[in-house]
């Protein structure tokens, strides 16, 4: 039923009052196909083999080498994963999976029904390698119109509406022109609809600022924008977080649980211990109202069924550690309830 008054959030089952979202993670992936990033040469022995516990160590060392690891496509497995998240206290998830990455609105609707989790679906386009060939012929306005239709009419010939724009991605710094045009279109669509944008930068500390600049110059609302993966891009550099915060943009610390080696970068990702230190640093710096923690689950090996940390990881493991460090319930409610509700709300 459509909310009678006040701001609403658009879920795959319809609009609900934003205040009813509860504990929300604003950057996850349910059905997702990341084979655009497949790199079989990194470990040919696992390239065509399924994800199993026996191979988990090698897959964690080279997550992009295993084709099966890049496809999360089992609805019944995902339903059980979401039930674990609900038992841990979770109520809502943003599935920041745009078209071209395996999004299926009808399965998302089913997952929401059977799990009891509110799912807010993403729309738009990810990095250039996932764009449809026809996109090169579209104007910025044409791209924006496609997003607007997903948000106001329904995705993929259904009546199931997206609730956010994103995850909007760039491949490298400086970004490709096709990706710049998609970001500009996202800003136009946001101005029309009033929804949030979730943005993905390339590796390194410069790309996030380029992404933000393109979006803001195109008219995006910074208070409805989260720049993702800053825990990886900025680590514990408070001055970089402050630069983003001073622009009014949300700070995505959204890769909790991902402690793996990225062979393409020849580097380990930041650890959960470092993420916790960055998060508490931002709380102490009185930036709590701009921080959005999540896990960005997008590999099969990250699901509990396959030996991973699962969607309940932040609530089950990180929240107790934060409390031990003196983070208050009020601050946790701000991070997990109030910030997402404000971000995802749209006026009637």
Protein backbone atom coordinates (compact mmCIF):
# COMPACT_ATOMS: atom_id res chain seq x y z
CA UNK A 1 0.00 0.00 0.00
CA UNK A 2 1.31 3.45 -0.89
CA UNK A 3 2.25 5.54 2.17
CA UNK A 4 -0.47 8.07 2.93
CA UNK A 5 1.97 10.74 4.08
CA UNK A 6 5.66 11.39 4.57
CA UNK A 7 8.66 10.25 2.54
CA UNK A 8 8.66 6.76 1.06
CA UNK A 9 11.22 4.21 -0.10
CA UNK A 10 10.60 2.22 -3.28
CA UNK A 11 11.06 -1.51 -2.72
CA UNK A 12 10.55 -4.32 -5.22
CA UNK A 13 7.23 -5.08 -3.51
CA UNK A 14 6.12 -1.46 -3.70
CA UNK A 15 6.56 1.77 -1.75
CA UNK A 16 6.80 1.75 2.02
CA UNK A 17 7.29 4.56 4.55
CA UNK A 18 11.03 5.23 4.74
CA UNK A 19 10.88 5.05 8.52
CA UNK A 20 9.91 1.37 8.23
CA UNK A 21 13.14 0.31 6.52
CA UNK A 22 14.83 -0.51 9.81
CA UNK A 23 18.41 -1.78 9.82
CA UNK A 24 19.55 -1.31 6.23
CA UNK A 25 22.69 -2.07 4.23
CA UNK A 26 22.86 0.29 1.25
CA UNK A 27 25.38 -1.55 -0.93
CA UNK A 28 24.97 -5.28 -1.52
CA UNK A 29 24.36 -7.54 -4.51
CA UNK A 30 21.95 -10.46 -4.75
CA UNK A 31 21.70 -11.93 -8.25
CA UNK A 32 24.87 -10.75 -9.96
CA UNK A 33 27.06 -11.74 -12.91
CA UNK A 34 30.56 -10.28 -12.81
CA UNK A 35 32.10 -12.32 -15.60
CA UNK A 36 33.05 -9.02 -17.22
CA UNK A 37 35.97 -9.17 -14.75
CA UNK A 38 36.90 -12.83 -15.33
CA UNK A 39 40.67 -13.41 -15.46
CA UNK A 40 41.21 -17.17 -15.94
CA UNK A 41 44.95 -16.83 -16.52
CA UNK A 42 45.47 -15.85 -12.89
CA UNK A 43 44.84 -19.46 -11.83
CA UNK A 44 43.89 -21.78 -14.75
CA UNK A 45 43.34 -24.74 -12.42
CA UNK A 46 40.26 -23.12 -10.89
CA UNK A 47 39.09 -21.14 -13.93
CA UNK A 48 36.33 -23.59 -14.95
CA UNK A 49 35.80 -25.39 -11.63
CA UNK A 50 32.89 -24.74 -9.24
CA UNK A 51 33.25 -22.97 -5.92
CA UNK A 52 33.77 -25.58 -3.20
CA UNK A 53 35.16 -25.55 0.33
CA UNK A 54 38.21 -27.45 -0.94
CA UNK A 55 39.01 -24.65 -3.39
CA UNK A 56 38.07 -21.77 -1.09
CA UNK A 57 41.66 -20.83 -0.23
CA UNK A 58 42.70 -20.56 -3.87
CA UNK A 59 39.54 -18.68 -4.79
CA UNK A 60 40.06 -16.16 -2.01
CA UNK A 61 43.59 -15.63 -3.33
CA UNK A 62 42.33 -15.12 -6.89
CA UNK A 63 38.58 -14.36 -6.78
CA UNK A 64 38.44 -13.22 -10.41
CA UNK A 65 40.11 -16.39 -11.75
CA UNK A 66 37.14 -18.68 -11.06
CA UNK A 67 34.24 -18.15 -13.47
CA UNK A 68 31.74 -19.81 -11.13
CA UNK A 69 32.74 -17.44 -8.33
CA UNK A 70 31.61 -14.48 -10.43
CA UNK A 71 28.03 -15.74 -10.83
CA UNK A 72 25.61 -15.54 -7.91
CA UNK A 73 22.45 -16.98 -9.43
CA UNK A 74 20.77 -19.46 -7.05
CA UNK A 75 17.55 -17.93 -5.68
CA UNK A 76 16.94 -20.56 -3.01
CA UNK A 77 20.48 -20.15 -1.66
CA UNK A 78 20.02 -16.38 -1.57
CA UNK A 79 16.70 -16.77 0.25
CA UNK A 80 18.43 -18.66 3.06
CA UNK A 81 21.23 -16.10 3.16
CA UNK A 82 18.68 -13.28 3.54
CA UNK A 83 16.91 -15.17 6.33
CA UNK A 84 20.22 -15.25 8.24
CA UNK A 85 20.46 -11.49 7.77
CA UNK A 86 16.92 -11.07 9.13
CA UNK A 87 17.66 -13.26 12.16
CA UNK A 88 20.65 -11.02 12.91
CA UNK A 89 18.37 -7.96 12.99
CA UNK A 90 18.51 -6.82 9.37
CA UNK A 91 15.38 -5.55 7.68
CA UNK A 92 16.36 -3.98 4.33
CA UNK A 93 19.02 -4.33 1.63
CA UNK A 94 19.85 -2.21 -1.38
CA UNK A 95 20.68 -4.51 -4.28
CA UNK A 96 22.97 -2.11 -6.15
CA UNK A 97 22.97 -4.25 -9.29
CA UNK A 98 22.09 -2.36 -12.48
CA UNK A 99 21.10 -3.88 -15.80
CA UNK A 100 23.81 -5.85 -17.56
CA UNK A 101 24.98 -7.56 -14.35
CA UNK A 102 22.39 -10.32 -13.97
CA UNK A 103 19.58 -8.30 -12.38
CA UNK A 104 16.21 -10.10 -12.35
CA UNK A 105 13.36 -8.02 -10.88
CA UNK A 106 10.94 -10.94 -10.56
CA UNK A 107 13.43 -13.03 -8.60
CA UNK A 108 14.17 -10.03 -6.38
CA UNK A 109 10.44 -9.71 -5.68
CA UNK A 110 10.27 -13.41 -4.80
CA UNK A 111 13.32 -13.16 -2.54
CA UNK A 112 11.72 -10.28 -0.67
CA UNK A 113 8.49 -12.21 -0.19
CA UNK A 114 10.07 -15.42 1.12
CA UNK A 115 12.74 -13.78 3.30
CA UNK A 116 10.79 -10.87 4.77
CA UNK A 117 13.58 -8.49 3.76
CA UNK A 118 12.80 -5.20 2.01
CA UNK A 119 14.84 -5.12 -1.22
CA UNK A 120 15.53 -1.84 -3.00
CA UNK A 121 16.68 -2.53 -6.56
CA UNK A 122 19.26 -0.57 -8.54
CA UNK A 123 19.15 0.64 -12.13
CA UNK A 124 21.44 2.33 -14.62
CA UNK A 125 24.69 1.00 -16.04
CA UNK A 126 27.96 -0.22 -14.50
CA UNK A 127 31.43 0.00 -16.08
CA UNK A 128 31.87 0.45 -19.84
CA UNK A 129 32.54 -3.24 -20.57
CA UNK A 130 29.01 -4.07 -19.38
CA UNK A 131 27.22 -1.39 -21.41
CA UNK A 132 24.98 -2.57 -24.26
CA UNK A 133 26.45 -1.81 -27.69
CA UNK A 134 23.52 0.47 -28.46
CA UNK A 135 24.40 2.78 -25.57
CA UNK A 136 27.07 4.44 -27.69
CA UNK A 137 24.30 5.81 -29.92
CA UNK A 138 22.18 7.17 -27.07
CA UNK A 139 22.29 10.76 -25.92
CA UNK A 140 22.76 11.56 -22.25
CA UNK A 141 19.05 12.36 -22.16
CA UNK A 142 18.21 8.96 -23.69
CA UNK A 143 20.25 7.18 -21.01
CA UNK A 144 18.55 9.22 -18.30
CA UNK A 145 15.12 8.35 -19.72
CA UNK A 146 15.93 4.63 -19.46
CA UNK A 147 16.76 5.07 -15.76
CA UNK A 148 13.62 7.14 -15.19
CA UNK A 149 11.47 4.39 -16.73
CA UNK A 150 13.06 1.79 -14.44
CA UNK A 151 12.36 4.01 -11.44
CA UNK A 152 8.83 5.11 -12.28
CA UNK A 153 7.31 2.43 -14.55
CA UNK A 154 9.21 -0.81 -14.00
CA UNK A 155 12.38 -2.71 -14.88
CA UNK A 156 12.85 -5.16 -17.76
CA UNK A 157 9.24 -5.20 -18.99
CA UNK A 158 7.80 -5.67 -15.49
CA UNK A 159 5.94 -3.32 -13.17
CA UNK A 160 8.62 -3.81 -10.50
CA UNK A 161 10.31 -0.47 -9.93
CA UNK A 162 13.91 0.30 -9.05
CA UNK A 163 14.49 2.39 -5.94
CA UNK A 164 18.01 3.75 -6.52
CA UNK A 165 20.39 4.53 -9.36
CA UNK A 166 23.47 2.40 -9.15
CA UNK A 167 25.92 0.96 -8.80
CA UNK A 168 27.28 3.44 -11.33
CA UNK A 169 30.84 2.42 -12.13
CA UNK A 170 34.02 3.65 -13.75
CA UNK A 171 36.86 1.43 -14.90
CA UNK A 172 39.93 3.60 -14.45
CA UNK A 173 41.20 7.08 -13.69
CA UNK A 174 40.64 9.18 -15.71
CA UNK A 175 37.29 7.60 -16.54
CA UNK A 176 36.15 6.60 -20.02
CA UNK A 177 33.86 8.98 -21.88
CA UNK A 178 31.02 6.42 -22.00
CA UNK A 179 31.11 6.19 -18.22
CA UNK A 180 31.12 9.98 -17.91
CA UNK A 181 27.96 10.17 -20.01
CA UNK A 182 26.23 7.55 -17.84
CA UNK A 183 27.10 9.51 -14.69
CA UNK A 184 25.74 12.70 -16.26
CA UNK A 185 22.55 10.82 -17.14
CA UNK A 186 22.26 9.55 -13.57
CA UNK A 187 22.28 13.13 -12.30
CA UNK A 188 19.51 14.06 -14.76
CA UNK A 189 17.41 11.07 -13.70
CA UNK A 190 17.93 11.84 -10.05
CA UNK A 191 16.72 15.41 -10.53
CA UNK A 192 13.55 14.05 -12.14
CA UNK A 193 12.79 11.32 -9.61
CA UNK A 194 14.54 12.35 -6.38
CA UNK A 195 16.18 9.01 -5.64
CA UNK A 196 19.66 8.17 -4.37
CA UNK A 197 22.74 7.46 -6.50
CA UNK A 198 25.32 4.86 -5.48
CA UNK A 199 28.63 5.44 -7.26
CA UNK A 200 31.62 3.15 -7.77
CA UNK A 201 35.10 4.54 -8.40
CA UNK A 202 38.21 2.98 -9.83
CA UNK A 203 41.08 1.99 -7.55
CA UNK A 204 43.17 4.72 -5.98
CA UNK A 205 42.32 7.92 -4.13
CA UNK A 206 41.79 10.24 -7.13
CA UNK A 207 38.98 8.44 -8.96
CA UNK A 208 36.33 9.05 -6.24
CA UNK A 209 36.77 12.80 -6.58
CA UNK A 210 36.50 12.65 -10.36
CA UNK A 211 33.26 10.65 -10.09
CA UNK A 212 31.81 13.06 -7.56
CA UNK A 213 32.83 16.10 -9.62
CA UNK A 214 31.15 14.76 -12.77
CA UNK A 215 27.95 13.99 -10.87
CA UNK A 216 27.79 17.33 -9.04
CA UNK A 217 28.58 19.34 -12.17
CA UNK A 218 25.68 17.56 -13.87
CA UNK A 219 23.37 18.65 -11.05
CA UNK A 220 23.30 15.64 -8.68
CA UNK A 221 22.14 16.21 -5.11
CA UNK A 222 25.15 15.45 -2.88
CA UNK A 223 22.89 14.51 0.05
CA UNK A 224 21.44 11.73 -2.11
CA UNK A 225 24.80 10.41 -3.27
CA UNK A 226 27.02 7.75 -1.69
CA UNK A 227 30.55 7.32 -2.98
CA UNK A 228 31.29 3.65 -2.42
CA UNK A 229 34.39 1.69 -1.41
CA UNK A 230 36.12 4.55 0.39
CA UNK A 231 37.33 2.13 3.06
CA UNK A 232 39.49 0.60 0.33
CA UNK A 233 40.33 3.82 -1.54
CA UNK A 234 41.12 6.03 1.49
CA UNK A 235 41.86 3.51 4.26
CA UNK A 236 42.58 5.65 7.35
CA UNK A 237 43.32 8.99 5.65
CA UNK A 238 40.95 11.33 7.48
CA UNK A 239 41.75 14.31 5.24
CA UNK A 240 40.48 12.45 2.18
CA UNK A 241 37.24 11.49 3.94
CA UNK A 242 36.82 15.11 5.02
CA UNK A 243 37.19 16.30 1.42
CA UNK A 244 34.26 14.10 0.40
CA UNK A 245 32.31 14.99 3.53
CA UNK A 246 32.77 18.70 2.89
CA UNK A 247 31.08 18.20 -0.49
CA UNK A 248 28.02 16.88 1.34
CA UNK A 249 28.43 13.38 -0.13
CA UNK A 250 27.91 10.10 1.74
CA UNK A 251 30.91 7.98 2.67
CA UNK A 252 30.58 4.33 1.71
CA UNK A 253 32.60 2.04 3.98
CA UNK A 254 31.04 -0.93 2.30
CA UNK A 255 33.44 -3.83 1.85
CA UNK A 256 33.34 -5.25 5.38
CA UNK A 257 34.21 -8.95 5.37
CA UNK A 258 36.25 -8.86 2.16
CA UNK A 259 39.77 -9.76 3.27
CA UNK A 260 41.31 -11.06 0.07
CA UNK A 261 44.18 -10.55 -2.31
CA UNK A 262 43.43 -8.67 -5.54
CA UNK A 263 45.86 -10.05 -8.08
CA UNK A 264 45.13 -7.32 -10.69
CA UNK A 265 46.37 -4.73 -8.20
CA UNK A 266 48.98 -7.02 -6.64
CA UNK A 267 47.72 -5.91 -3.26
CA UNK A 268 45.64 -7.06 -0.31
CA UNK A 269 42.41 -5.24 0.39
CA UNK A 270 42.04 -3.38 3.63
CA UNK A 271 41.23 -5.66 6.59
CA UNK A 272 38.14 -5.52 8.81
CA UNK A 273 40.37 -4.31 11.64
CA UNK A 274 41.42 -1.36 9.48
CA UNK A 275 37.81 -0.75 8.43
CA UNK A 276 36.75 -0.65 12.07
CA UNK A 277 39.53 1.81 12.83
CA UNK A 278 38.44 4.02 9.94
CA UNK A 279 34.79 3.85 11.01
CA UNK A 280 35.51 4.76 14.62
CA UNK A 281 37.81 7.54 13.41
CA UNK A 282 34.94 9.04 11.42
CA UNK A 283 32.58 8.73 14.38
CA UNK A 284 35.10 10.54 16.59
CA UNK A 285 35.44 13.19 13.88
CA UNK A 286 31.66 13.79 14.18
CA UNK A 287 31.00 12.53 10.64
CA UNK A 288 28.64 9.71 11.69
CA UNK A 289 25.68 11.12 9.77
CA UNK A 290 27.54 10.77 6.46
CA UNK A 291 28.78 7.18 6.86
CA UNK A 292 27.14 4.14 5.21
CA UNK A 293 28.59 0.75 6.20
CA UNK A 294 27.87 -2.36 4.13
CA UNK A 295 29.61 -5.42 2.68
CA UNK A 296 29.23 -5.27 -1.14
CA UNK A 297 28.76 -9.04 -1.35
CA UNK A 298 29.15 -9.94 -5.02
CA UNK A 299 31.25 -13.14 -5.12
CA UNK A 300 29.81 -16.61 -4.59
CA UNK A 301 32.55 -17.45 -2.09
CA UNK A 302 31.30 -14.63 0.14
CA UNK A 303 27.97 -16.39 0.79
CA UNK A 304 27.64 -18.43 3.98
CA UNK A 305 26.66 -21.50 1.95
CA UNK A 306 30.09 -21.45 0.32
CA UNK A 307 32.18 -20.70 3.40
CA UNK A 308 31.94 -16.92 3.28
CA UNK A 309 30.97 -14.24 5.77
CA UNK A 310 27.42 -13.72 4.49
CA UNK A 311 25.00 -10.81 4.55
CA UNK A 312 24.76 -10.96 8.35
CA UNK A 313 28.48 -10.38 8.88
CA UNK A 314 28.34 -6.72 9.89
CA UNK A 315 25.51 -7.27 12.35
CA UNK A 316 26.84 -10.54 13.74
CA UNK A 317 30.55 -9.71 14.00
CA UNK A 318 31.31 -6.02 13.44
CA UNK A 319 28.55 -4.45 15.54
CA UNK A 320 29.61 -6.26 18.75
CA UNK A 321 33.23 -5.21 18.18
CA UNK A 322 32.18 -1.59 17.70
CA UNK A 323 30.22 -1.71 20.94
CA UNK A 324 33.28 -3.07 22.75
CA UNK A 325 35.20 -0.06 21.45
CA UNK A 326 32.63 2.30 22.93
CA UNK A 327 30.45 3.03 19.90
CA UNK A 328 27.02 3.83 21.29
CA UNK A 329 23.69 2.35 20.31
CA UNK A 330 22.70 5.83 19.18
CA UNK A 331 25.64 5.99 16.77
CA UNK A 332 24.88 2.50 15.44
CA UNK A 333 21.25 3.47 14.87
CA UNK A 334 22.46 6.51 12.94
CA UNK A 335 24.72 4.37 10.74
CA UNK A 336 22.32 1.51 10.10
CA UNK A 337 18.81 3.00 10.38
CA UNK A 338 18.62 6.79 10.18
CA UNK A 339 21.25 7.43 7.49
CA UNK A 340 19.82 4.82 5.09
CA UNK A 341 16.24 5.99 5.69
CA UNK A 342 17.23 9.56 4.84
CA UNK A 343 19.18 8.49 1.76
CA UNK A 344 16.51 6.20 0.36
CA UNK A 345 13.51 8.40 1.09
CA UNK A 346 11.65 10.18 -1.70
CA UNK A 347 8.90 12.78 -1.35
CA UNK A 348 5.31 11.86 -2.18
